[in-house]
């Protein structure tokens, strides 16, 4: 199989991790070409690059919803839609971005051959807005074991005891809420994503291993990778009591109301057996298994020659 992948977001947050972790497995199974484009994400220029620069191939995969709207030279077209935040919270977007999100999503969904998403929650939101997508929609969980082989790199100038927040500064990540709560308790919070300078995987690994726990206060997620990353490395997790986070974390986290400071304070008093439960939960999410399921979907799009699906 000859596959072209849009990898422009490989350095951006959770989607970047998703792309970086799946690519090596896919490259073992087929010939992968990365899209040669420097067009900004969500730009008109990217649409022309999709049209002009996607070469003749068996399949084009976009790991984000902003995919090709014009005709392309790929025989099949697959897109991953991680969440429906843009539609569920239109009020947070400018009028231009609202138009872009609604228009691009609807057109992409009508054009692609297959849609992947990362949780049953996101599948439900997709079907809420686009019930016509039911027959071409698949849920494939992401992995979380990418940090297990990383050598921890010590981080300087952090308190000896601290809670950890991992995420960007978008309002729905709710970092201000958790910082206020932790400050009132007289504890320390280390923020990764915008609080510290950009950290390496080794530094992130060290922070997970040395934190008293990860606090994940998000108000909206499609999947939520940081809790599983933390669990895999033996870091206790306190997480928002919202549907997608419960789907992914199961009984391996202590949940709190992400709008109620007292709920978080009470939750932080609970930690019994979180480390072992977390490791067991994280073990259920491997990138190899995720990649295998991705490739099965890709292969089902046509009779393409490829290496065996069995483990290498």
C-alpha atoms as a PDB file:
ATOM      1  CA  UNK A   1       0.000   0.000   0.000  1.00  0.00           C
ATOM      2  CA  UNK A   2       1.242   3.490  -0.864  1.00  0.00           C
ATOM      3  CA  UNK A   3      -0.005   5.918   1.759  1.00  0.00           C
ATOM      4  CA  UNK A   4       0.366   9.684   2.085  1.00  0.00           C
ATOM      5  CA  UNK A   5       0.010  11.198   5.567  1.00  0.00           C
ATOM      6  CA  UNK A   6      -0.441  14.826   6.559  1.00  0.00           C
ATOM      7  CA  UNK A   7       2.152  15.112   9.349  1.00  0.00           C
ATOM      8  CA  UNK A   8       2.149  18.893   9.781  1.00  0.00           C
ATOM      9  CA  UNK A   9       0.780  18.578  13.326  1.00  0.00           C
ATOM     10  CA  UNK A  10       3.355  16.043  14.516  1.00  0.00           C
ATOM     11  CA  UNK A  11       4.823  18.587  16.961  1.00  0.00           C
ATOM     12  CA  UNK A  12       1.492  19.828  18.336  1.00  0.00           C
ATOM     13  CA  UNK A  13       0.168  18.408  21.616  1.00  0.00           C
ATOM     14  CA  UNK A  14      -1.894  15.245  21.708  1.00  0.00           C
ATOM     15  CA  UNK A  15      -2.409  15.051  17.952  1.00  0.00           C
ATOM     16  CA  UNK A  16       1.348  15.306  17.507  1.00  0.00           C
ATOM     17  CA  UNK A  17       1.883  12.380  19.876  1.00  0.00           C
ATOM     18  CA  UNK A  18      -0.787  10.430  17.979  1.00  0.00           C
ATOM     19  CA  UNK A  19       0.998  10.980  14.661  1.00  0.00           C
ATOM     20  CA  UNK A  20       4.536  10.355  15.946  1.00  0.00           C
ATOM     21  CA  UNK A  21       3.578   7.129  17.697  1.00  0.00           C
ATOM     22  CA  UNK A  22       1.608   5.598  14.831  1.00  0.00           C
ATOM     23  CA  UNK A  23       3.958   6.437  11.958  1.00  0.00           C
ATOM     24  CA  UNK A  24       6.760   3.959  12.800  1.00  0.00           C
ATOM     25  CA  UNK A  25       4.297   1.053  12.937  1.00  0.00           C
ATOM     26  CA  UNK A  26       2.603   2.082   9.693  1.00  0.00           C
ATOM     27  CA  UNK A  27       5.975   2.420   7.965  1.00  0.00           C
ATOM     28  CA  UNK A  28       6.621  -1.253   8.740  1.00  0.00           C
ATOM     29  CA  UNK A  29       3.430  -2.222   6.919  1.00  0.00           C
ATOM     30  CA  UNK A  30       3.450  -0.060   3.809  1.00  0.00           C
ATOM     31  CA  UNK A  31       5.168   2.741   1.925  1.00  0.00           C
ATOM     32  CA  UNK A  32       4.436   5.996   3.746  1.00  0.00           C
ATOM     33  CA  UNK A  33       5.034   9.407   2.211  1.00  0.00           C
ATOM     34  CA  UNK A  34       4.688  12.497   4.386  1.00  0.00           C
ATOM     35  CA  UNK A  35       2.829  15.377   2.760  1.00  0.00           C
ATOM     36  CA  UNK A  36       5.333  17.977   1.596  1.00  0.00           C
ATOM     37  CA  UNK A  37       3.507  21.117   2.731  1.00  0.00           C
ATOM     38  CA  UNK A  38       4.394  24.139   4.844  1.00  0.00           C
ATOM     39  CA  UNK A  39       0.885  25.567   4.655  1.00  0.00           C
ATOM     40  CA  UNK A  40      -0.495  26.786   7.991  1.00  0.00           C
ATOM     41  CA  UNK A  41      -3.127  24.622   9.660  1.00  0.00           C
ATOM     42  CA  UNK A  42      -6.711  25.829   8.948  1.00  0.00           C
ATOM     43  CA  UNK A  43      -5.638  27.930   5.962  1.00  0.00           C
ATOM     44  CA  UNK A  44      -6.924  28.298   2.419  1.00  0.00           C
ATOM     45  CA  UNK A  45      -3.421  27.570   1.226  1.00  0.00           C
ATOM     46  CA  UNK A  46      -3.507  24.085   2.747  1.00  0.00           C
ATOM     47  CA  UNK A  47      -6.461  23.208   0.544  1.00  0.00           C
ATOM     48  CA  UNK A  48      -4.458  24.064  -2.562  1.00  0.00           C
ATOM     49  CA  UNK A  49      -1.512  22.055  -1.233  1.00  0.00           C
ATOM     50  CA  UNK A  50      -3.760  19.039  -0.691  1.00  0.00           C
ATOM     51  CA  UNK A  51      -4.905  19.358  -4.301  1.00  0.00           C
ATOM     52  CA  UNK A  52      -1.441  19.949  -5.774  1.00  0.00           C
ATOM     53  CA  UNK A  53       0.919  17.985  -3.529  1.00  0.00           C
ATOM     54  CA  UNK A  54      -0.838  14.752  -2.575  1.00  0.00           C
ATOM     55  CA  UNK A  55       0.756  12.334  -5.066  1.00  0.00           C
ATOM     56  CA  UNK A  56      -1.007   9.429  -6.756  1.00  0.00           C
ATOM     57  CA  UNK A  57      -1.341   6.860  -3.962  1.00  0.00           C
ATOM     58  CA  UNK A  58      -3.624   4.199  -2.581  1.00  0.00           C
ATOM     59  CA  UNK A  59      -4.701   6.160   0.469  1.00  0.00           C
ATOM     60  CA  UNK A  60      -4.435   9.634   1.981  1.00  0.00           C
ATOM     61  CA  UNK A  61      -4.806   9.883   5.760  1.00  0.00           C
ATOM     62  CA  UNK A  62      -5.347  13.137   7.589  1.00  0.00           C
ATOM     63  CA  UNK A  63      -4.971  12.765  11.393  1.00  0.00           C
ATOM     64  CA  UNK A  64      -7.119  15.859  11.951  1.00  0.00           C
ATOM     65  CA  UNK A  65     -10.440  17.075  10.566  1.00  0.00           C
ATOM     66  CA  UNK A  66      -8.978  19.818   8.354  1.00  0.00           C
ATOM     67  CA  UNK A  67      -8.535  17.542   5.377  1.00  0.00           C
ATOM     68  CA  UNK A  68      -8.833  17.888   1.623  1.00  0.00           C
ATOM     69  CA  UNK A  69     -12.007  19.401   0.194  1.00  0.00           C
ATOM     70  CA  UNK A  70     -10.855  19.497  -3.426  1.00  0.00           C
ATOM     71  CA  UNK A  71     -10.333  16.331  -5.505  1.00  0.00           C
ATOM     72  CA  UNK A  72      -7.085  14.505  -4.704  1.00  0.00           C
ATOM     73  CA  UNK A  73      -5.064  11.805  -6.451  1.00  0.00           C
ATOM     74  CA  UNK A  74      -5.467   9.226  -3.680  1.00  0.00           C
ATOM     75  CA  UNK A  75      -7.757   6.276  -4.366  1.00  0.00           C
ATOM     76  CA  UNK A  76      -9.121   6.397  -0.822  1.00  0.00           C
ATOM     77  CA  UNK A  77      -9.364   9.149   1.781  1.00  0.00           C
ATOM     78  CA  UNK A  78      -9.425   8.593   5.572  1.00  0.00           C
ATOM     79  CA  UNK A  79      -9.630  11.223   8.299  1.00  0.00           C
ATOM     80  CA  UNK A  80      -9.348  11.116  12.101  1.00  0.00           C
ATOM     81  CA  UNK A  81     -11.684  13.415  14.027  1.00  0.00           C
ATOM     82  CA  UNK A  82     -10.575  13.510  17.644  1.00  0.00           C
ATOM     83  CA  UNK A  83     -13.426  15.535  19.102  1.00  0.00           C
ATOM     84  CA  UNK A  84     -16.269  17.888  18.267  1.00  0.00           C
ATOM     85  CA  UNK A  85     -15.221  20.742  20.539  1.00  0.00           C
ATOM     86  CA  UNK A  86     -15.545  23.262  17.722  1.00  0.00           C
ATOM     87  CA  UNK A  87     -19.226  22.402  17.272  1.00  0.00           C
ATOM     88  CA  UNK A  88     -20.078  21.676  20.901  1.00  0.00           C
ATOM     89  CA  UNK A  89     -18.680  25.080  21.909  1.00  0.00           C
ATOM     90  CA  UNK A  90     -19.237  27.325  18.908  1.00  0.00           C
ATOM     91  CA  UNK A  91     -19.597  30.292  21.260  1.00  0.00           C
ATOM     92  CA  UNK A  92     -15.847  30.180  21.940  1.00  0.00           C
ATOM     93  CA  UNK A  93     -15.009  30.794  18.267  1.00  0.00           C
ATOM     94  CA  UNK A  94     -15.049  33.903  16.122  1.00  0.00           C
ATOM     95  CA  UNK A  95     -17.690  34.032  13.396  1.00  0.00           C
ATOM     96  CA  UNK A  96     -15.054  33.239  10.778  1.00  0.00           C
ATOM     97  CA  UNK A  97     -13.851  30.182  12.716  1.00  0.00           C
ATOM     98  CA  UNK A  98     -17.432  29.062  13.324  1.00  0.00           C
ATOM     99  CA  UNK A  99     -18.081  29.133   9.586  1.00  0.00           C
ATOM    100  CA  UNK A 100     -14.807  27.313   8.878  1.00  0.00           C
ATOM    101  CA  UNK A 101     -15.442  24.579  11.451  1.00  0.00           C
ATOM    102  CA  UNK A 102     -19.003  23.889  10.336  1.00  0.00           C
ATOM    103  CA  UNK A 103     -18.260  24.063   6.628  1.00  0.00           C
ATOM    104  CA  UNK A 104     -15.045  22.050   6.604  1.00  0.00           C
ATOM    105  CA  UNK A 105     -16.327  19.333   8.938  1.00  0.00           C
ATOM    106  CA  UNK A 106     -19.492  18.753   6.941  1.00  0.00           C
ATOM    107  CA  UNK A 107     -17.706  18.724   3.593  1.00  0.00           C
ATOM    108  CA  UNK A 108     -14.874  16.480   4.816  1.00  0.00           C
ATOM    109  CA  UNK A 109     -17.320  13.984   6.292  1.00  0.00           C
ATOM    110  CA  UNK A 110     -19.232  13.839   3.017  1.00  0.00           C
ATOM    111  CA  UNK A 111     -16.055  13.329   0.944  1.00  0.00           C
ATOM    112  CA  UNK A 112     -13.994  10.795   2.901  1.00  0.00           C
ATOM    113  CA  UNK A 113     -14.260   7.028   2.628  1.00  0.00           C
ATOM    114  CA  UNK A 114     -13.666   6.324   6.315  1.00  0.00           C
ATOM    115  CA  UNK A 115     -13.712   8.312   9.565  1.00  0.00           C
ATOM    116  CA  UNK A 116     -11.694   7.337  12.621  1.00  0.00           C
ATOM    117  CA  UNK A 117     -12.264   8.696  16.094  1.00  0.00           C
ATOM    118  CA  UNK A 118     -10.661   8.025  19.452  1.00  0.00           C
ATOM    119  CA  UNK A 119     -13.514   7.296  21.872  1.00  0.00           C
ATOM    120  CA  UNK A 120     -17.133   6.217  22.064  1.00  0.00           C
ATOM    121  CA  UNK A 121     -17.889   9.690  23.412  1.00  0.00           C
ATOM    122  CA  UNK A 122     -16.497  11.356  20.289  1.00  0.00           C
ATOM    123  CA  UNK A 123     -18.353   8.839  18.120  1.00  0.00           C
ATOM    124  CA  UNK A 124     -21.574   9.843  19.839  1.00  0.00           C
ATOM    125  CA  UNK A 125     -20.927  13.535  19.270  1.00  0.00           C
ATOM    126  CA  UNK A 126     -20.105  12.893  15.607  1.00  0.00           C
ATOM    127  CA  UNK A 127     -23.343  10.997  15.097  1.00  0.00           C
ATOM    128  CA  UNK A 128     -25.253  13.743  16.901  1.00  0.00           C
ATOM    129  CA  UNK A 129     -24.206  16.241  14.241  1.00  0.00           C
ATOM    130  CA  UNK A 130     -23.658  13.896  11.294  1.00  0.00           C
ATOM    131  CA  UNK A 131     -25.882  10.796  11.567  1.00  0.00           C
ATOM    132  CA  UNK A 132     -25.162  10.073   7.912  1.00  0.00           C
ATOM    133  CA  UNK A 133     -21.575   9.173   8.902  1.00  0.00           C
ATOM    134  CA  UNK A 134     -22.613   6.051  10.831  1.00  0.00           C
ATOM    135  CA  UNK A 135     -21.584   3.488   8.215  1.00  0.00           C
ATOM    136  CA  UNK A 136     -18.053   4.835   7.793  1.00  0.00           C
ATOM    137  CA  UNK A 137     -17.167   5.548  11.415  1.00  0.00           C
ATOM    138  CA  UNK A 138     -14.707   3.517  13.514  1.00  0.00           C
ATOM    139  CA  UNK A 139     -13.481   3.990  17.095  1.00  0.00           C
ATOM    140  CA  UNK A 140      -9.810   3.192  17.728  1.00  0.00           C
ATOM    141  CA  UNK A 141      -8.283   4.070  21.083  1.00  0.00           C
ATOM    142  CA  UNK A 142      -4.869   5.689  21.174  1.00  0.00           C
ATOM    143  CA  UNK A 143      -1.931   4.129  23.002  1.00  0.00           C
ATOM    144  CA  UNK A 144      -0.067   5.496  25.997  1.00  0.00           C
ATOM    145  CA  UNK A 145       3.109   3.421  26.276  1.00  0.00           C
ATOM    146  CA  UNK A 146       5.401   5.779  24.349  1.00  0.00           C
ATOM    147  CA  UNK A 147       7.141   7.111  27.480  1.00  0.00           C
ATOM    148  CA  UNK A 148       7.935   3.728  29.024  1.00  0.00           C
ATOM    149  CA  UNK A 149      11.234   3.403  27.165  1.00  0.00           C
ATOM    150  CA  UNK A 150      12.251   7.053  27.626  1.00  0.00           C
ATOM    151  CA  UNK A 151      15.121   7.842  29.996  1.00  0.00           C
ATOM    152  CA  UNK A 152      13.920  10.446  32.547  1.00  0.00           C
ATOM    153  CA  UNK A 153      15.742  13.783  32.373  1.00  0.00           C
ATOM    154  CA  UNK A 154      15.767  15.745  35.667  1.00  0.00           C
ATOM    155  CA  UNK A 155      13.959  19.087  35.600  1.00  0.00           C
ATOM    156  CA  UNK A 156      15.555  21.929  37.533  1.00  0.00           C
ATOM    157  CA  UNK A 157      13.849  24.546  39.676  1.00  0.00           C
ATOM    158  CA  UNK A 158      10.726  22.592  40.587  1.00  0.00           C
ATOM    159  CA  UNK A 159       9.516  22.116  44.180  1.00  0.00           C
ATOM    160  CA  UNK A 160      10.416  18.899  45.972  1.00  0.00           C
ATOM    161  CA  UNK A 161       6.690  18.119  46.274  1.00  0.00           C
ATOM    162  CA  UNK A 162       4.276  19.136  43.556  1.00  0.00           C
ATOM    163  CA  UNK A 163       1.140  18.239  41.659  1.00  0.00           C
ATOM    164  CA  UNK A 164       1.335  18.174  37.875  1.00  0.00           C
ATOM    165  CA  UNK A 165      -0.884  19.734  35.204  1.00  0.00           C
ATOM    166  CA  UNK A 166      -0.308  18.784  31.556  1.00  0.00           C
ATOM    167  CA  UNK A 167      -2.186  20.715  28.889  1.00  0.00           C
ATOM    168  CA  UNK A 168      -2.408  23.934  26.924  1.00  0.00           C
ATOM    169  CA  UNK A 169      -3.918  27.209  28.098  1.00  0.00           C
ATOM    170  CA  UNK A 170      -7.232  26.920  26.249  1.00  0.00           C
ATOM    171  CA  UNK A 171     -10.167  27.695  28.572  1.00  0.00           C
ATOM    172  CA  UNK A 172     -11.635  24.175  28.462  1.00  0.00           C
ATOM    173  CA  UNK A 173      -8.372  22.734  29.824  1.00  0.00           C
ATOM    174  CA  UNK A 174      -9.318  24.543  33.058  1.00  0.00           C
ATOM    175  CA  UNK A 175      -5.780  25.155  34.335  1.00  0.00           C
ATOM    176  CA  UNK A 176      -6.751  28.331  36.233  1.00  0.00           C
ATOM    177  CA  UNK A 177      -9.265  26.342  38.304  1.00  0.00           C
ATOM    178  CA  UNK A 178      -6.755  23.754  39.458  1.00  0.00           C
ATOM    179  CA  UNK A 179      -4.069  26.362  40.141  1.00  0.00           C
ATOM    180  CA  UNK A 180      -6.424  28.329  42.360  1.00  0.00           C
ATOM    181  CA  UNK A 181      -7.415  25.190  44.275  1.00  0.00           C
ATOM    182  CA  UNK A 182      -3.850  23.995  44.789  1.00  0.00           C
ATOM    183  CA  UNK A 183      -2.691  27.465  45.854  1.00  0.00           C
ATOM    184  CA  UNK A 184      -5.477  27.662  48.454  1.00  0.00           C
ATOM    185  CA  UNK A 185      -4.316  24.325  49.868  1.00  0.00           C
ATOM    186  CA  UNK A 186      -0.780  25.642  50.200  1.00  0.00           C
ATOM    187  CA  UNK A 187       0.548  23.084  47.704  1.00  0.00           C
ATOM    188  CA  UNK A 188       2.635  23.507  44.556  1.00  0.00           C
ATOM    189  CA  UNK A 189       1.486  23.004  40.962  1.00  0.00           C
ATOM    190  CA  UNK A 190       3.830  22.501  38.019  1.00  0.00           C
ATOM    191  CA  UNK A 191       2.193  23.211  34.648  1.00  0.00           C
ATOM    192  CA  UNK A 192       3.488  21.597  31.465  1.00  0.00           C
ATOM    193  CA  UNK A 193       2.246  22.984  28.183  1.00  0.00           C
ATOM    194  CA  UNK A 194       2.516  26.668  28.917  1.00  0.00           C
ATOM    195  CA  UNK A 195       3.703  27.081  32.509  1.00  0.00           C
ATOM    196  CA  UNK A 196       7.190  25.678  31.995  1.00  0.00           C
ATOM    197  CA  UNK A 197       9.313  26.202  28.937  1.00  0.00           C
ATOM    198  CA  UNK A 198       8.697  23.411  26.385  1.00  0.00           C
ATOM    199  CA  UNK A 199       9.796  20.108  27.904  1.00  0.00           C
ATOM    200  CA  UNK A 200      11.343  17.071  26.256  1.00  0.00           C
ATOM    201  CA  UNK A 201       9.835  13.600  26.528  1.00  0.00           C
ATOM    202  CA  UNK A 202      12.573  12.778  29.028  1.00  0.00           C
ATOM    203  CA  UNK A 203      11.661  15.770  31.190  1.00  0.00           C
ATOM    204  CA  UNK A 204       7.953  14.966  30.987  1.00  0.00           C
ATOM    205  CA  UNK A 205       8.734  11.400  32.018  1.00  0.00           C
ATOM    206  CA  UNK A 206      10.719  12.686  35.028  1.00  0.00           C
ATOM    207  CA  UNK A 207       7.874  15.002  36.064  1.00  0.00           C
ATOM    208  CA  UNK A 208       5.329  12.172  35.949  1.00  0.00           C
ATOM    209  CA  UNK A 209       7.612   9.955  38.018  1.00  0.00           C
ATOM    210  CA  UNK A 210       8.290  12.614  40.679  1.00  0.00           C
ATOM    211  CA  UNK A 211       4.894  14.327  40.956  1.00  0.00           C
ATOM    212  CA  UNK A 212       2.566  13.628  43.855  1.00  0.00           C
ATOM    213  CA  UNK A 213      -0.001  13.121  41.134  1.00  0.00           C
ATOM    214  CA  UNK A 214      -1.477  14.449  37.906  1.00  0.00           C
ATOM    215  CA  UNK A 215      -4.522  16.700  38.196  1.00  0.00           C
ATOM    216  CA  UNK A 216      -6.534  16.628  34.978  1.00  0.00           C
ATOM    217  CA  UNK A 217      -9.333  19.228  35.320  1.00  0.00           C
ATOM    218  CA  UNK A 218     -10.459  19.393  31.683  1.00  0.00           C
ATOM    219  CA  UNK A 219     -14.017  20.438  30.923  1.00  0.00           C
ATOM    220  CA  UNK A 220     -14.016  18.764  27.500  1.00  0.00           C
ATOM    221  CA  UNK A 221     -11.995  15.986  25.851  1.00  0.00           C
ATOM    222  CA  UNK A 222     -12.205  13.556  22.993  1.00  0.00           C
ATOM    223  CA  UNK A 223      -9.768  11.127  24.608  1.00  0.00           C
ATOM    224  CA  UNK A 224      -7.439  12.696  27.175  1.00  0.00           C
ATOM    225  CA  UNK A 225      -3.907  11.312  26.853  1.00  0.00           C
ATOM    226  CA  UNK A 226      -2.110  12.793  29.921  1.00  0.00           C
ATOM    227  CA  UNK A 227      -3.973  10.650  32.501  1.00  0.00           C
ATOM    228  CA  UNK A 228      -2.928   7.451  30.711  1.00  0.00           C
ATOM    229  CA  UNK A 229       0.648   8.697  30.281  1.00  0.00           C
ATOM    230  CA  UNK A 230       0.739   9.349  34.021  1.00  0.00           C
ATOM    231  CA  UNK A 231      -0.774   5.971  34.919  1.00  0.00           C
ATOM    232  CA  UNK A 232       1.727   4.127  32.738  1.00  0.00           C
ATOM    233  CA  UNK A 233       4.560   5.716  34.730  1.00  0.00           C
ATOM    234  CA  UNK A 234       3.072   5.103  38.166  1.00  0.00           C
ATOM    235  CA  UNK A 235       1.759   8.618  38.754  1.00  0.00           C
ATOM    236  CA  UNK A 236      -1.605   8.830  40.589  1.00  0.00           C
ATOM    237  CA  UNK A 237      -4.379  10.610  38.675  1.00  0.00           C
ATOM    238  CA  UNK A 238      -7.168  12.900  39.827  1.00  0.00           C
ATOM    239  CA  UNK A 239      -9.448  13.660  36.886  1.00  0.00           C
ATOM    240  CA  UNK A 240     -12.577  15.530  35.825  1.00  0.00           C
ATOM    241  CA  UNK A 241     -15.793  13.637  36.271  1.00  0.00           C
ATOM    242  CA  UNK A 242     -16.830  13.935  32.631  1.00  0.00           C
ATOM    243  CA  UNK A 243     -17.965  11.167  30.285  1.00  0.00           C
ATOM    244  CA  UNK A 244     -14.941  10.841  27.956  1.00  0.00           C
ATOM    245  CA  UNK A 245     -12.439  10.854  30.819  1.00  0.00           C
ATOM    246  CA  UNK A 246     -14.365   8.155  32.694  1.00  0.00           C
ATOM    247  CA  UNK A 247     -14.470   6.092  29.493  1.00  0.00           C
ATOM    248  CA  UNK A 248     -10.684   6.166  29.184  1.00  0.00           C
ATOM    249  CA  UNK A 249      -9.581   6.107  32.837  1.00  0.00           C
ATOM    250  CA  UNK A 250     -12.118   3.608  34.177  1.00  0.00           C
ATOM    251  CA  UNK A 251     -11.733   2.924  37.903  1.00  0.00           C
ATOM    252  CA  UNK A 252      -8.057   3.909  37.937  1.00  0.00           C
ATOM    253  CA  UNK A 253      -8.551   7.605  38.779  1.00  0.00           C
ATOM    254  CA  UNK A 254     -10.209   9.621  41.533  1.00  0.00           C
ATOM    255  CA  UNK A 255     -12.834  11.880  39.975  1.00  0.00           C
ATOM    256  CA  UNK A 256     -13.913  15.382  40.932  1.00  0.00           C
ATOM    257  CA  UNK A 257     -16.334  18.048  39.729  1.00  0.00           C
ATOM    258  CA  UNK A 258     -14.147  20.351  37.587  1.00  0.00           C
ATOM    259  CA  UNK A 259     -16.269  23.368  38.533  1.00  0.00           C
ATOM    260  CA  UNK A 260     -16.254  22.791  42.309  1.00  0.00           C
ATOM    261  CA  UNK A 261     -13.052  23.572  44.280  1.00  0.00           C
ATOM    262  CA  UNK A 262     -14.254  21.602  47.314  1.00  0.00           C
ATOM    263  CA  UNK A 263     -14.740  18.514  45.158  1.00  0.00           C
ATOM    264  CA  UNK A 264     -11.109  18.674  44.037  1.00  0.00           C
ATOM    265  CA  UNK A 265      -9.841  19.279  47.577  1.00  0.00           C
ATOM    266  CA  UNK A 266     -11.789  16.246  48.809  1.00  0.00           C
ATOM    267  CA  UNK A 267     -10.550  14.118  45.904  1.00  0.00           C
ATOM    268  CA  UNK A 268      -6.914  14.927  46.681  1.00  0.00           C
ATOM    269  CA  UNK A 269      -7.378  13.243  50.046  1.00  0.00           C
ATOM    270  CA  UNK A 270      -7.970   9.927  48.240  1.00  0.00           C
ATOM    271  CA  UNK A 271      -5.093   7.992  46.722  1.00  0.00           C
ATOM    272  CA  UNK A 272      -5.365   4.381  47.895  1.00  0.00           C
ATOM    273  CA  UNK A 273      -4.142   1.879  45.283  1.00  0.00           C
ATOM    274  CA  UNK A 274      -4.199   4.480  42.478  1.00  0.00           C
ATOM    275  CA  UNK A 275      -0.693   3.621  41.296  1.00  0.00           C
ATOM    276  CA  UNK A 276      -1.358  -0.085  40.728  1.00  0.00           C
ATOM    277  CA  UNK A 277      -4.825   0.502  39.270  1.00  0.00           C
ATOM    278  CA  UNK A 278      -3.349   3.100  36.937  1.00  0.00           C
ATOM    279  CA  UNK A 279      -0.629   0.795  35.632  1.00  0.00           C
ATOM    280  CA  UNK A 280      -3.176  -1.944  34.979  1.00  0.00           C
ATOM    281  CA  UNK A 281      -5.467   0.470  33.141  1.00  0.00           C
ATOM    282  CA  UNK A 282      -2.672   1.991  31.043  1.00  0.00           C
ATOM    283  CA  UNK A 283      -1.521  -1.484  29.992  1.00  0.00           C
ATOM    284  CA  UNK A 284      -4.771  -1.790  28.021  1.00  0.00           C
ATOM    285  CA  UNK A 285      -3.751   1.039  25.653  1.00  0.00           C
ATOM    286  CA  UNK A 286      -0.760   0.237  23.422  1.00  0.00           C
ATOM    287  CA  UNK A 287       0.327   2.088  20.314  1.00  0.00           C
ATOM    288  CA  UNK A 288       1.124  -1.185  18.571  1.00  0.00           C
ATOM    289  CA  UNK A 289      -2.458  -2.366  18.975  1.00  0.00           C
ATOM    290  CA  UNK A 290      -3.775   1.050  17.964  1.00  0.00           C
ATOM    291  CA  UNK A 291      -1.577   1.025  14.844  1.00  0.00           C
ATOM    292  CA  UNK A 292      -2.697  -2.510  13.980  1.00  0.00           C
ATOM    293  CA  UNK A 293      -6.340  -1.433  14.075  1.00  0.00           C
ATOM    294  CA  UNK A 294      -5.599   1.704  12.062  1.00  0.00           C
ATOM    295  CA  UNK A 295      -3.881  -0.365   9.397  1.00  0.00           C
ATOM    296  CA  UNK A 296      -6.741  -2.845   9.270  1.00  0.00           C
ATOM    297  CA  UNK A 297      -9.126   0.020   8.505  1.00  0.00           C
ATOM    298  CA  UNK A 298      -6.754   1.385   5.870  1.00  0.00           C
ATOM    299  CA  UNK A 299      -6.328  -2.025   4.261  1.00  0.00           C
ATOM    300  CA  UNK A 300     -10.085  -2.599   4.157  1.00  0.00           C
ATOM    301  CA  UNK A 301     -10.398   0.380   1.829  1.00  0.00           C
ATOM    302  CA  UNK A 302      -9.085  -1.699  -1.065  1.00  0.00           C
ATOM    303  CA  UNK A 303      -7.089  -4.709  -2.177  1.00  0.00           C
ATOM    304  CA  UNK A 304      -3.671  -3.230  -1.491  1.00  0.00           C
ATOM    305  CA  UNK A 305      -0.461  -5.206  -1.266  1.00  0.00           C
ATOM    306  CA  UNK A 306       1.126  -4.903   2.171  1.00  0.00           C
ATOM    307  CA  UNK A 307       3.231  -6.730   4.693  1.00  0.00           C
ATOM    308  CA  UNK A 308       1.573  -9.207   7.056  1.00  0.00           C
ATOM    309  CA  UNK A 309      -0.518  -7.820   9.883  1.00  0.00           C
ATOM    310  CA  UNK A 310       1.156 -10.234  12.266  1.00  0.00           C
ATOM    311  CA  UNK A 311       3.726  -8.840  14.698  1.00  0.00           C
ATOM    312  CA  UNK A 312       7.128  -8.205  13.192  1.00  0.00           C
END
